[in-house]
Amino acid sequence: GKRVPEMSLSPVADYLNQNGFVCHFSKDTIGQSAKDAIKNAKAGELVLLENTRFYSQEEDNNSEFSKSIAELGDVYVNDAFGTAHRAHASTEGVAKLFNDRFAGFLIEKEIEFLGKALENPKRPFTAIIGGAKISGKIDVIQELIGKCDNILIGGGMMFTFLKAMGKEIGSSLLEEDKINLAKEIIETAEKSSTKLLIPKDTVVAERFDKEAAFWTVHVDEFPPKRIGLDISTITIAEYSNIIKKSKTILWNGPMGVFEMDNFAKGTISIAQAIAEATDNGAISIVGGGDSVAAVTMAKLADKMSHISTGGGASLEYLEGKKLPGILALDC
């Protein structure tokens, strides 16, 4: 709803102009500036409009704003999977005003990989779910129970599961209001065909600090007042063995605080196991900003079948939700 200079798209226009394209930039998304930029462009040249987020009407999905954008073009193509879960003017409102509206190649690839993983996966199908909190992954985990052969839990969320199992977790990350939900997830998995695995050991530290002393403990021997920051040897071996036998692998969320070298081993080891499985013919899909950052850091991004560009969008797709930006493309 306001202009933020560092979020301007003008550097993108500069980049295009410096790399063999002719790109006309409009300082506004709609109005005379946009119309003039289009009028001045010749066939084969590009026109880039300013960031739609500078207008409050974008997130409001304002119909008049959508019309003002739609009148600037003849065909609509959406290739931004990362925003397809938002019903905004540029993702939904504008699309509905075109008779000719299409998905770009990236969206096509995202739906192909994510869709196959859910609808007709090669088996065994293993999902690795990590990250800090259960709350952001509840719907995905529940959706995958019964569809996956294995769900491997890691990251900060594992401590809420361990607490639900009656384990000591010291000062580790805990979502106290999600303990009962974690119990329900464990019970639901036990009644299903899906094997839900919770870490058997963890790397603990004296405090949340990259310089803190750390060591490995079994989850039954967790020391009070210490903090768990990664999965460890037994869990890494168990998870890696399952991953290497899998034919479809979905990974969302790191196994520990991988930004700190001392607590990155679990995440890097999982990335290596997925890369090995992929090399042996498995389909691997990595989603979520932290997971993507981890495989990039491990220099294994090119070893994965597909790296999803949509954190929130890929999660909602896996949850079985209909994405507004994709639905709007249906004619």
C-alpha atoms as a PDB file:
ATOM      1  CA  GLY A   1       0.000   0.000   0.000  1.00  0.00           C
ATOM      2  CA  LYS A   2       2.988   2.343  -0.129  1.00  0.00           C
ATOM      3  CA  ARG A   3       6.086   2.884  -2.215  1.00  0.00           C
ATOM      4  CA  VAL A   4       9.241   1.314  -0.836  1.00  0.00           C
ATOM      5  CA  PRO A   5      12.188   2.366  -3.043  1.00  0.00           C
ATOM      6  CA  GLU A   6      14.276  -0.732  -2.336  1.00  0.00           C
ATOM      7  CA  MET A   7      11.366  -2.899  -3.523  1.00  0.00           C
ATOM      8  CA  SER A   8      11.116  -1.163  -6.903  1.00  0.00           C
ATOM      9  CA  LEU A   9      11.390  -3.338  -9.989  1.00  0.00           C
ATOM     10  CA  SER A  10      13.493  -0.776 -11.863  1.00  0.00           C
ATOM     11  CA  PRO A  11      16.726  -2.789 -11.258  1.00  0.00           C
ATOM     12  CA  VAL A  12      15.073  -5.693 -13.086  1.00  0.00           C
ATOM     13  CA  ALA A  13      14.479  -3.440 -16.093  1.00  0.00           C
ATOM     14  CA  ASP A  14      18.108  -2.287 -15.896  1.00  0.00           C
ATOM     15  CA  TYR A  15      19.290  -5.900 -15.823  1.00  0.00           C
ATOM     16  CA  LEU A  16      17.205  -6.809 -18.859  1.00  0.00           C
ATOM     17  CA  ASN A  17      18.463  -3.799 -20.790  1.00  0.00           C
ATOM     18  CA  GLN A  18      22.043  -4.773 -19.983  1.00  0.00           C
ATOM     19  CA  ASN A  19      21.538  -8.357 -21.128  1.00  0.00           C
ATOM     20  CA  GLY A  20      20.309  -8.145 -24.685  1.00  0.00           C
ATOM     21  CA  PHE A  21      16.705  -7.018 -24.227  1.00  0.00           C
ATOM     22  CA  VAL A  22      14.950  -3.727 -24.734  1.00  0.00           C
ATOM     23  CA  CYS A  23      12.788  -3.145 -21.654  1.00  0.00           C
ATOM     24  CA  HIS A  24      10.603  -0.093 -21.100  1.00  0.00           C
ATOM     25  CA  PHE A  25       9.913   0.582 -17.430  1.00  0.00           C
ATOM     26  CA  SER A  26       6.814   2.279 -16.067  1.00  0.00           C
ATOM     27  CA  LYS A  27       7.093   3.921 -12.639  1.00  0.00           C
ATOM     28  CA  ASP A  28       3.423   3.070 -12.089  1.00  0.00           C
ATOM     29  CA  THR A  29       1.523  -0.191 -12.500  1.00  0.00           C
ATOM     30  CA  ILE A  30      -1.535   1.520 -13.989  1.00  0.00           C
ATOM     31  CA  GLY A  31      -2.406   4.891 -15.505  1.00  0.00           C
ATOM     32  CA  GLN A  32      -0.714   7.110 -18.072  1.00  0.00           C
ATOM     33  CA  SER A  33       2.853   6.065 -17.282  1.00  0.00           C
ATOM     34  CA  ALA A  34       1.994   2.432 -18.006  1.00  0.00           C
ATOM     35  CA  LYS A  35       0.077   3.334 -21.166  1.00  0.00           C
ATOM     36  CA  ASP A  36       2.977   5.481 -22.441  1.00  0.00           C
ATOM     37  CA  ALA A  37       5.513   2.717 -21.832  1.00  0.00           C
ATOM     38  CA  ILE A  38       3.392   0.302 -23.869  1.00  0.00           C
ATOM     39  CA  LYS A  39       2.821   2.882 -26.615  1.00  0.00           C
ATOM     40  CA  ASN A  40       6.582   3.488 -26.915  1.00  0.00           C
ATOM     41  CA  ALA A  41       7.472  -0.205 -27.114  1.00  0.00           C
ATOM     42  CA  LYS A  42       7.993  -1.876 -30.476  1.00  0.00           C
ATOM     43  CA  ALA A  43       7.159  -5.460 -31.362  1.00  0.00           C
ATOM     44  CA  GLY A  44       9.607  -7.798 -29.640  1.00  0.00           C
ATOM     45  CA  GLU A  45      10.419  -5.353 -26.851  1.00  0.00           C
ATOM     46  CA  LEU A  46       9.408  -5.669 -23.203  1.00  0.00           C
ATOM     47  CA  VAL A  47       7.421  -3.469 -20.861  1.00  0.00           C
ATOM     48  CA  LEU A  48       7.863  -3.872 -17.117  1.00  0.00           C
ATOM     49  CA  LEU A  49       5.339  -2.238 -14.792  1.00  0.00           C
ATOM     50  CA  GLU A  50       6.179  -1.179 -11.232  1.00  0.00           C
ATOM     51  CA  ASN A  51       5.625  -3.464  -8.234  1.00  0.00           C
ATOM     52  CA  THR A  52       1.892  -4.076  -7.728  1.00  0.00           C
ATOM     53  CA  ARG A  53       2.444  -4.214  -3.947  1.00  0.00           C
ATOM     54  CA  PHE A  54       2.905  -0.444  -3.968  1.00  0.00           C
ATOM     55  CA  TYR A  55      -0.906  -0.282  -4.294  1.00  0.00           C
ATOM     56  CA  SER A  56      -3.207  -1.278  -1.433  1.00  0.00           C
ATOM     57  CA  GLN A  57      -5.712  -2.397  -4.104  1.00  0.00           C
ATOM     58  CA  GLU A  58      -3.409  -5.314  -4.986  1.00  0.00           C
ATOM     59  CA  GLU A  59      -3.884  -7.283  -1.775  1.00  0.00           C
ATOM     60  CA  ASP A  60      -7.502  -6.112  -1.551  1.00  0.00           C
ATOM     61  CA  ASN A  61      -8.103  -7.713  -4.965  1.00  0.00           C
ATOM     62  CA  ASN A  62      -9.839  -4.514  -5.996  1.00  0.00           C
ATOM     63  CA  SER A  63     -11.933  -4.962  -9.156  1.00  0.00           C
ATOM     64  CA  GLU A  64     -11.270  -1.464 -10.557  1.00  0.00           C
ATOM     65  CA  PHE A  65      -7.528  -1.897 -10.049  1.00  0.00           C
ATOM     66  CA  SER A  66      -7.735  -5.269 -11.816  1.00  0.00           C
ATOM     67  CA  LYS A  67      -9.556  -3.678 -14.743  1.00  0.00           C
ATOM     68  CA  SER A  68      -6.908  -0.946 -15.006  1.00  0.00           C
ATOM     69  CA  ILE A  69      -4.190  -3.587 -15.322  1.00  0.00           C
ATOM     70  CA  ALA A  70      -6.180  -5.860 -17.630  1.00  0.00           C
ATOM     71  CA  GLU A  71      -6.799  -3.123 -20.195  1.00  0.00           C
ATOM     72  CA  LEU A  72      -3.038  -2.945 -20.805  1.00  0.00           C
ATOM     73  CA  GLY A  73      -2.760  -6.390 -22.394  1.00  0.00           C
ATOM     74  CA  ASP A  74      -4.361  -9.024 -24.596  1.00  0.00           C
ATOM     75  CA  VAL A  75      -3.230 -12.286 -22.962  1.00  0.00           C
ATOM     76  CA  TYR A  76      -2.602 -13.203 -19.310  1.00  0.00           C
ATOM     77  CA  VAL A  77       0.132 -15.625 -18.259  1.00  0.00           C
ATOM     78  CA  ASN A  78       0.844 -16.364 -14.592  1.00  0.00           C
ATOM     79  CA  ASP A  79       4.173 -18.045 -13.897  1.00  0.00           C
ATOM     80  CA  ALA A  80       4.500 -17.051 -10.233  1.00  0.00           C
ATOM     81  CA  PHE A  81       3.696 -20.227  -8.327  1.00  0.00           C
ATOM     82  CA  GLY A  82       5.026 -18.625  -5.140  1.00  0.00           C
ATOM     83  CA  THR A  83       2.052 -16.227  -5.058  1.00  0.00           C
ATOM     84  CA  ALA A  84      -0.600 -18.549  -6.501  1.00  0.00           C
ATOM     85  CA  HIS A  85      -2.081 -19.189  -3.043  1.00  0.00           C
ATOM     86  CA  ARG A  86      -3.047 -15.513  -2.740  1.00  0.00           C
ATOM     87  CA  ALA A  87      -6.286 -14.116  -4.127  1.00  0.00           C
ATOM     88  CA  HIS A  88      -4.777 -10.777  -5.098  1.00  0.00           C
ATOM     89  CA  ALA A  89      -5.534  -8.495  -8.012  1.00  0.00           C
ATOM     90  CA  SER A  90      -2.514  -9.568 -10.076  1.00  0.00           C
ATOM     91  CA  THR A  91      -3.018 -13.294  -9.402  1.00  0.00           C
ATOM     92  CA  GLU A  92      -6.799 -13.697  -9.474  1.00  0.00           C
ATOM     93  CA  GLY A  93      -8.646 -10.469 -10.257  1.00  0.00           C
ATOM     94  CA  VAL A  94      -6.794  -9.678 -13.477  1.00  0.00           C
ATOM     95  CA  ALA A  95      -6.802 -13.260 -14.748  1.00  0.00           C
ATOM     96  CA  LYS A  96     -10.594 -13.492 -14.772  1.00  0.00           C
ATOM     97  CA  LEU A  97     -10.809 -10.491 -17.109  1.00  0.00           C
ATOM     98  CA  PHE A  98      -8.971 -12.278 -19.940  1.00  0.00           C
ATOM     99  CA  ASN A  99     -10.433 -14.820 -22.313  1.00  0.00           C
ATOM    100  CA  ASP A 100      -6.913 -16.038 -23.022  1.00  0.00           C
ATOM    101  CA  ARG A 101      -5.261 -16.914 -19.717  1.00  0.00           C
ATOM    102  CA  PHE A 102      -2.524 -19.442 -19.163  1.00  0.00           C
ATOM    103  CA  ALA A 103      -0.098 -20.985 -16.704  1.00  0.00           C
ATOM    104  CA  GLY A 104       3.577 -20.458 -17.459  1.00  0.00           C
ATOM    105  CA  PHE A 105       6.111 -23.274 -17.704  1.00  0.00           C
ATOM    106  CA  LEU A 106       7.189 -22.971 -14.064  1.00  0.00           C
ATOM    107  CA  ILE A 107       3.657 -23.306 -12.705  1.00  0.00           C
ATOM    108  CA  GLU A 108       3.138 -26.235 -15.071  1.00  0.00           C
ATOM    109  CA  LYS A 109       6.254 -27.930 -13.663  1.00  0.00           C
ATOM    110  CA  GLU A 110       5.242 -27.253 -10.055  1.00  0.00           C
ATOM    111  CA  ILE A 111       1.789 -28.758 -10.524  1.00  0.00           C
ATOM    112  CA  GLU A 112       3.220 -31.714 -12.420  1.00  0.00           C
ATOM    113  CA  PHE A 113       5.659 -32.646  -9.635  1.00  0.00           C
ATOM    114  CA  LEU A 114       3.465 -31.818  -6.647  1.00  0.00           C
ATOM    115  CA  GLY A 115       0.384 -33.305  -8.291  1.00  0.00           C
ATOM    116  CA  LYS A 116       2.077 -36.616  -9.088  1.00  0.00           C
ATOM    117  CA  ALA A 117       3.482 -36.816  -5.567  1.00  0.00           C
ATOM    118  CA  LEU A 118      -0.028 -36.628  -4.126  1.00  0.00           C
ATOM    119  CA  GLU A 119      -2.069 -38.456  -6.723  1.00  0.00           C
ATOM    120  CA  ASN A 120       0.129 -41.231  -8.088  1.00  0.00           C
ATOM    121  CA  PRO A 121       3.471 -41.446  -6.303  1.00  0.00           C
ATOM    122  CA  LYS A 122       6.058 -44.110  -6.972  1.00  0.00           C
ATOM    123  CA  ARG A 123       6.462 -46.060  -3.756  1.00  0.00           C
ATOM    124  CA  PRO A 124       7.808 -46.111  -1.167  1.00  0.00           C
ATOM    125  CA  PHE A 125       6.708 -42.471  -0.724  1.00  0.00           C
ATOM    126  CA  THR A 126       8.520 -40.658   2.084  1.00  0.00           C
ATOM    127  CA  ALA A 127       7.826 -37.157   3.388  1.00  0.00           C
ATOM    128  CA  ILE A 128      10.388 -35.394   5.552  1.00  0.00           C
ATOM    129  CA  ILE A 129       8.756 -32.627   7.566  1.00  0.00           C
ATOM    130  CA  GLY A 130      10.873 -30.291   9.675  1.00  0.00           C
ATOM    131  CA  GLY A 131      11.085 -26.673  10.669  1.00  0.00           C
ATOM    132  CA  ALA A 132      10.465 -24.837  13.877  1.00  0.00           C
ATOM    133  CA  LYS A 133       6.782 -25.349  14.578  1.00  0.00           C
ATOM    134  CA  ILE A 134       4.026 -27.911  14.130  1.00  0.00           C
ATOM    135  CA  SER A 135       1.468 -25.119  13.724  1.00  0.00           C
ATOM    136  CA  GLY A 136       2.642 -24.299  10.200  1.00  0.00           C
ATOM    137  CA  LYS A 137       2.714 -27.944   9.098  1.00  0.00           C
ATOM    138  CA  ILE A 138      -0.324 -29.481  10.825  1.00  0.00           C
ATOM    139  CA  ASP A 139      -2.508 -29.601   7.722  1.00  0.00           C
ATOM    140  CA  VAL A 140       0.280 -31.029   5.559  1.00  0.00           C
ATOM    141  CA  ILE A 141       1.088 -33.793   8.045  1.00  0.00           C
ATOM    142  CA  GLN A 142      -2.597 -34.694   8.425  1.00  0.00           C
ATOM    143  CA  GLU A 143      -3.094 -34.673   4.648  1.00  0.00           C
ATOM    144  CA  LEU A 144      -0.069 -36.945   4.112  1.00  0.00           C
ATOM    145  CA  ILE A 145      -1.065 -39.538   6.717  1.00  0.00           C
ATOM    146  CA  GLY A 146      -2.514 -42.406   4.714  1.00  0.00           C
ATOM    147  CA  LYS A 147      -0.888 -41.176   1.503  1.00  0.00           C
ATOM    148  CA  CYS A 148       2.767 -41.562   2.476  1.00  0.00           C
ATOM    149  CA  ASP A 149       4.532 -44.751   3.469  1.00  0.00           C
ATOM    150  CA  ASN A 150       6.779 -42.803   5.834  1.00  0.00           C
ATOM    151  CA  ILE A 151       6.691 -39.386   7.492  1.00  0.00           C
ATOM    152  CA  LEU A 152       9.992 -38.392   9.094  1.00  0.00           C
ATOM    153  CA  ILE A 153       9.761 -35.629  11.689  1.00  0.00           C
ATOM    154  CA  GLY A 154      12.645 -33.269  12.476  1.00  0.00           C
ATOM    155  CA  GLY A 155      13.469 -29.694  13.371  1.00  0.00           C
ATOM    156  CA  GLY A 156      12.113 -27.732  16.311  1.00  0.00           C
ATOM    157  CA  MET A 157       8.686 -29.333  15.950  1.00  0.00           C
ATOM    158  CA  MET A 158      10.073 -32.689  17.029  1.00  0.00           C
ATOM    159  CA  PHE A 159      10.211 -31.501  20.644  1.00  0.00           C
ATOM    160  CA  THR A 160       6.467 -30.917  20.790  1.00  0.00           C
ATOM    161  CA  PHE A 161       6.006 -34.498  19.543  1.00  0.00           C
ATOM    162  CA  LEU A 162       8.520 -35.755  22.126  1.00  0.00           C
ATOM    163  CA  LYS A 163       6.708 -33.831  24.868  1.00  0.00           C
ATOM    164  CA  ALA A 164       3.445 -35.423  23.702  1.00  0.00           C
ATOM    165  CA  MET A 165       5.157 -38.788  24.173  1.00  0.00           C
ATOM    166  CA  GLY A 166       5.998 -37.876  27.763  1.00  0.00           C
ATOM    167  CA  LYS A 167       9.678 -37.147  27.156  1.00  0.00           C
ATOM    168  CA  GLU A 168      11.851 -34.539  28.848  1.00  0.00           C
ATOM    169  CA  ILE A 169      12.861 -31.808  26.375  1.00  0.00           C
ATOM    170  CA  GLY A 170      14.630 -29.314  28.657  1.00  0.00           C
ATOM    171  CA  SER A 171      14.398 -25.775  27.298  1.00  0.00           C
ATOM    172  CA  SER A 172      13.881 -26.887  23.683  1.00  0.00           C
ATOM    173  CA  LEU A 173      11.321 -25.207  21.455  1.00  0.00           C
ATOM    174  CA  LEU A 174       7.821 -26.203  22.536  1.00  0.00           C
ATOM    175  CA  GLU A 175       4.338 -25.297  21.338  1.00  0.00           C
ATOM    176  CA  GLU A 176       2.500 -26.124  24.530  1.00  0.00           C
ATOM    177  CA  ASP A 177      -0.915 -25.535  22.991  1.00  0.00           C
ATOM    178  CA  LYS A 178      -0.129 -28.133  20.305  1.00  0.00           C
ATOM    179  CA  ILE A 179       0.834 -31.035  22.582  1.00  0.00           C
ATOM    180  CA  ASN A 180      -2.616 -32.651  22.398  1.00  0.00           C
ATOM    181  CA  LEU A 181      -2.645 -32.180  18.635  1.00  0.00           C
ATOM    182  CA  ALA A 182       0.737 -33.904  18.391  1.00  0.00           C
ATOM    183  CA  LYS A 183      -0.741 -36.819  20.389  1.00  0.00           C
ATOM    184  CA  GLU A 184      -3.675 -36.992  17.980  1.00  0.00           C
ATOM    185  CA  ILE A 185      -1.325 -37.028  14.967  1.00  0.00           C
ATOM    186  CA  ILE A 186       0.690 -39.889  16.508  1.00  0.00           C
ATOM    187  CA  GLU A 187      -2.489 -41.856  17.252  1.00  0.00           C
ATOM    188  CA  THR A 188      -3.928 -41.239  13.777  1.00  0.00           C
ATOM    189  CA  ALA A 189      -0.703 -42.430  12.150  1.00  0.00           C
ATOM    190  CA  GLU A 190      -0.697 -45.587  14.283  1.00  0.00           C
ATOM    191  CA  LYS A 191      -4.117 -46.499  12.875  1.00  0.00           C
ATOM    192  CA  SER A 192      -3.060 -45.810   9.291  1.00  0.00           C
ATOM    193  CA  SER A 193      -0.707 -47.337   6.750  1.00  0.00           C
ATOM    194  CA  THR A 194       1.774 -44.508   7.309  1.00  0.00           C
ATOM    195  CA  LYS A 195       4.799 -44.954   9.539  1.00  0.00           C
ATOM    196  CA  LEU A 196       5.404 -41.759  11.526  1.00  0.00           C
ATOM    197  CA  LEU A 197       8.966 -41.536  12.808  1.00  0.00           C
ATOM    198  CA  ILE A 198      10.078 -39.247  15.643  1.00  0.00           C
ATOM    199  CA  PRO A 199      13.819 -38.741  16.292  1.00  0.00           C
ATOM    200  CA  LYS A 200      15.488 -41.165  18.698  1.00  0.00           C
ATOM    201  CA  ASP A 201      18.428 -38.921  19.512  1.00  0.00           C
ATOM    202  CA  THR A 202      19.262 -35.254  19.383  1.00  0.00           C
ATOM    203  CA  VAL A 203      22.142 -32.809  19.601  1.00  0.00           C
ATOM    204  CA  VAL A 204      21.777 -30.743  22.766  1.00  0.00           C
ATOM    205  CA  ALA A 205      23.595 -27.570  23.747  1.00  0.00           C
ATOM    206  CA  GLU A 206      23.987 -25.474  26.856  1.00  0.00           C
ATOM    207  CA  ARG A 207      22.252 -22.577  25.109  1.00  0.00           C
ATOM    208  CA  PHE A 208      21.072 -21.339  21.703  1.00  0.00           C
ATOM    209  CA  ASP A 209      24.483 -20.179  20.550  1.00  0.00           C
ATOM    210  CA  LYS A 210      26.820 -21.325  17.771  1.00  0.00           C
ATOM    211  CA  GLU A 211      29.709 -21.274  20.281  1.00  0.00           C
ATOM    212  CA  ALA A 212      27.882 -23.282  22.964  1.00  0.00           C
ATOM    213  CA  ALA A 213      29.171 -26.686  24.082  1.00  0.00           C
ATOM    214  CA  PHE A 214      27.107 -29.482  22.517  1.00  0.00           C
ATOM    215  CA  TRP A 215      26.762 -33.258  22.631  1.00  0.00           C
ATOM    216  CA  THR A 216      24.448 -36.079  21.547  1.00  0.00           C
ATOM    217  CA  VAL A 217      21.844 -37.677  23.820  1.00  0.00           C
ATOM    218  CA  HIS A 218      19.138 -40.289  23.405  1.00  0.00           C
ATOM    219  CA  VAL A 219      15.671 -38.740  23.699  1.00  0.00           C
ATOM    220  CA  ASP A 220      15.065 -40.853  26.830  1.00  0.00           C
ATOM    221  CA  GLU A 221      18.060 -39.210  28.528  1.00  0.00           C
ATOM    222  CA  PHE A 222      17.471 -35.535  27.745  1.00  0.00           C
ATOM    223  CA  PRO A 223      19.208 -33.313  30.312  1.00  0.00           C
ATOM    224  CA  PRO A 224      17.026 -30.668  31.997  1.00  0.00           C
ATOM    225  CA  LYS A 225      17.722 -27.024  31.155  1.00  0.00           C
ATOM    226  CA  ARG A 226      19.495 -27.941  27.909  1.00  0.00           C
ATOM    227  CA  ILE A 227      18.225 -27.187  24.417  1.00  0.00           C
ATOM    228  CA  GLY A 228      17.900 -29.580  21.461  1.00  0.00           C
ATOM    229  CA  LEU A 229      19.111 -28.110  18.165  1.00  0.00           C
ATOM    230  CA  ASP A 230      19.458 -30.971  15.662  1.00  0.00           C
ATOM    231  CA  ILE A 231      18.806 -34.645  15.018  1.00  0.00           C
ATOM    232  CA  SER A 232      21.798 -36.883  15.645  1.00  0.00           C
ATOM    233  CA  THR A 233      23.582 -40.118  14.692  1.00  0.00           C
ATOM    234  CA  ILE A 234      20.927 -42.803  15.256  1.00  0.00           C
ATOM    235  CA  THR A 235      18.154 -40.727  13.690  1.00  0.00           C
ATOM    236  CA  ILE A 236      20.315 -39.643  10.758  1.00  0.00           C
ATOM    237  CA  ALA A 237      21.148 -43.293  10.007  1.00  0.00           C
ATOM    238  CA  GLU A 238      17.518 -44.433  10.340  1.00  0.00           C
ATOM    239  CA  TYR A 239      16.122 -41.592   8.231  1.00  0.00           C
ATOM    240  CA  SER A 240      18.856 -41.888   5.582  1.00  0.00           C
ATOM    241  CA  ASN A 241      18.205 -45.623   5.231  1.00  0.00           C
ATOM    242  CA  ILE A 242      14.473 -45.016   4.652  1.00  0.00           C
ATOM    243  CA  ILE A 243      15.138 -42.156   2.207  1.00  0.00           C
ATOM    244  CA  LYS A 244      17.575 -44.196   0.120  1.00  0.00           C
ATOM    245  CA  LYS A 245      14.951 -46.943  -0.294  1.00  0.00           C
ATOM    246  CA  SER A 246      12.234 -44.464  -1.317  1.00  0.00           C
ATOM    247  CA  LYS A 247      11.039 -43.748  -4.861  1.00  0.00           C
ATOM    248  CA  THR A 248       9.198 -40.487  -4.127  1.00  0.00           C
ATOM    249  CA  ILE A 249      10.604 -38.038  -1.580  1.00  0.00           C
ATOM    250  CA  LEU A 250       9.043 -34.811  -0.388  1.00  0.00           C
ATOM    251  CA  TRP A 251      11.081 -32.548   1.905  1.00  0.00           C
ATOM    252  CA  ASN A 252       9.808 -29.447   3.664  1.00  0.00           C
ATOM    253  CA  GLY A 253      11.692 -27.994   6.624  1.00  0.00           C
ATOM    254  CA  PRO A 254      15.218 -28.425   8.029  1.00  0.00           C
ATOM    255  CA  MET A 255      16.181 -30.995  10.663  1.00  0.00           C
ATOM    256  CA  GLY A 256      17.932 -28.520  12.951  1.00  0.00           C
ATOM    257  CA  VAL A 257      19.398 -25.052  13.249  1.00  0.00           C
ATOM    258  CA  PHE A 258      21.420 -25.541  10.069  1.00  0.00           C
ATOM    259  CA  GLU A 259      22.450 -21.881   9.975  1.00  0.00           C
ATOM    260  CA  MET A 260      24.912 -22.769  12.769  1.00  0.00           C
ATOM    261  CA  ASP A 261      27.641 -25.178  11.612  1.00  0.00           C
ATOM    262  CA  ASN A 262      27.541 -27.261  14.802  1.00  0.00           C
ATOM    263  CA  PHE A 263      23.843 -27.993  14.296  1.00  0.00           C
ATOM    264  CA  ALA A 264      23.760 -28.441  10.517  1.00  0.00           C
ATOM    265  CA  LYS A 265      24.831 -32.079  10.278  1.00  0.00           C
ATOM    266  CA  GLY A 266      21.302 -33.508  10.415  1.00  0.00           C
ATOM    267  CA  THR A 267      19.966 -31.261   7.662  1.00  0.00           C
ATOM    268  CA  ILE A 268      23.020 -31.737   5.429  1.00  0.00           C
ATOM    269  CA  SER A 269      22.937 -35.522   5.931  1.00  0.00           C
ATOM    270  CA  ILE A 270      19.276 -35.665   4.917  1.00  0.00           C
ATOM    271  CA  ALA A 271      20.057 -33.568   1.828  1.00  0.00           C
ATOM    272  CA  GLN A 272      22.864 -35.987   0.926  1.00  0.00           C
ATOM    273  CA  ALA A 273      20.601 -39.013   1.358  1.00  0.00           C
ATOM    274  CA  ILE A 274      17.941 -37.434  -0.860  1.00  0.00           C
ATOM    275  CA  ALA A 275      20.573 -36.613  -3.504  1.00  0.00           C
ATOM    276  CA  GLU A 276      21.770 -40.237  -3.455  1.00  0.00           C
ATOM    277  CA  ALA A 277      18.222 -41.567  -3.755  1.00  0.00           C
ATOM    278  CA  THR A 278      17.548 -39.190  -6.651  1.00  0.00           C
ATOM    279  CA  ASP A 279      20.710 -40.365  -8.367  1.00  0.00           C
ATOM    280  CA  ASN A 280      19.323 -43.898  -8.082  1.00  0.00           C
ATOM    281  CA  GLY A 281      16.043 -42.968  -9.775  1.00  0.00           C
ATOM    282  CA  ALA A 282      13.836 -41.499  -7.035  1.00  0.00           C
ATOM    283  CA  ILE A 283      11.712 -38.390  -7.606  1.00  0.00           C
ATOM    284  CA  SER A 284      12.666 -35.730  -5.050  1.00  0.00           C
ATOM    285  CA  ILE A 285      10.767 -32.527  -4.344  1.00  0.00           C
ATOM    286  CA  VAL A 286      12.177 -29.881  -2.025  1.00  0.00           C
ATOM    287  CA  GLY A 287       9.910 -27.072  -0.835  1.00  0.00           C
ATOM    288  CA  GLY A 288      10.097 -24.271   1.686  1.00  0.00           C
ATOM    289  CA  GLY A 289      12.671 -21.507   1.891  1.00  0.00           C
ATOM    290  CA  ASP A 290      14.838 -23.096   4.595  1.00  0.00           C
ATOM    291  CA  SER A 291      14.996 -26.490   2.880  1.00  0.00           C
ATOM    292  CA  VAL A 292      15.909 -24.850  -0.411  1.00  0.00           C
ATOM    293  CA  ALA A 293      18.558 -22.776   1.379  1.00  0.00           C
ATOM    294  CA  ALA A 294      19.935 -25.952   2.965  1.00  0.00           C
ATOM    295  CA  VAL A 295      20.311 -27.909  -0.296  1.00  0.00           C
ATOM    296  CA  THR A 296      21.835 -24.831  -1.899  1.00  0.00           C
ATOM    297  CA  MET A 297      24.288 -24.470   0.991  1.00  0.00           C
ATOM    298  CA  ALA A 298      25.178 -28.157   0.645  1.00  0.00           C
ATOM    299  CA  LYS A 299      25.719 -27.613  -3.106  1.00  0.00           C
ATOM    300  CA  LEU A 300      23.140 -30.323  -3.842  1.00  0.00           C
ATOM    301  CA  ALA A 301      20.371 -28.259  -5.471  1.00  0.00           C
ATOM    302  CA  ASP A 302      21.158 -29.645  -8.918  1.00  0.00           C
ATOM    303  CA  LYS A 303      20.838 -33.184  -7.520  1.00  0.00           C
ATOM    304  CA  MET A 304      17.140 -32.782  -6.703  1.00  0.00           C
ATOM    305  CA  SER A 305      14.366 -33.568  -9.206  1.00  0.00           C
ATOM    306  CA  HIS A 306      12.455 -30.409  -8.385  1.00  0.00           C
ATOM    307  CA  ILE A 307      12.951 -27.439  -6.085  1.00  0.00           C
ATOM    308  CA  SER A 308       9.655 -25.716  -5.463  1.00  0.00           C
ATOM    309  CA  THR A 309       9.635 -21.930  -5.710  1.00  0.00           C
ATOM    310  CA  GLY A 310       6.565 -21.621  -3.508  1.00  0.00           C
ATOM    311  CA  GLY A 311       6.909 -21.992   0.249  1.00  0.00           C
ATOM    312  CA  GLY A 312       3.361 -21.160   1.313  1.00  0.00           C
ATOM    313  CA  ALA A 313       1.914 -22.119  -2.068  1.00  0.00           C
ATOM    314  CA  SER A 314       3.495 -25.569  -2.102  1.00  0.00           C
ATOM    315  CA  LEU A 315       2.349 -26.217   1.481  1.00  0.00           C
ATOM    316  CA  GLU A 316      -1.233 -25.227   0.676  1.00  0.00           C
ATOM    317  CA  TYR A 317      -1.175 -27.343  -2.487  1.00  0.00           C
ATOM    318  CA  LEU A 318       0.053 -30.334  -0.481  1.00  0.00           C
ATOM    319  CA  GLU A 319      -2.664 -29.661   2.090  1.00  0.00           C
ATOM    320  CA  GLY A 320      -5.174 -30.266  -0.688  1.00  0.00           C
ATOM    321  CA  LYS A 321      -6.284 -26.641  -0.888  1.00  0.00           C
ATOM    322  CA  LYS A 322      -7.258 -25.042  -4.179  1.00  0.00           C
ATOM    323  CA  LEU A 323      -4.921 -22.183  -5.039  1.00  0.00           C
ATOM    324  CA  PRO A 324      -6.787 -19.019  -6.185  1.00  0.00           C
ATOM    325  CA  GLY A 325      -4.103 -18.099  -8.711  1.00  0.00           C
ATOM    326  CA  ILE A 326      -4.391 -21.517 -10.343  1.00  0.00           C
ATOM    327  CA  LEU A 327      -8.201 -21.701 -10.209  1.00  0.00           C
ATOM    328  CA  ALA A 328      -8.419 -18.299 -11.903  1.00  0.00           C
ATOM    329  CA  LEU A 329      -6.702 -19.755 -14.976  1.00  0.00           C
ATOM    330  CA  ASP A 330      -9.549 -22.207 -15.633  1.00  0.00           C
ATOM    331  CA  CYS A 331     -11.581 -20.972 -18.560  1.00  0.00           C
END
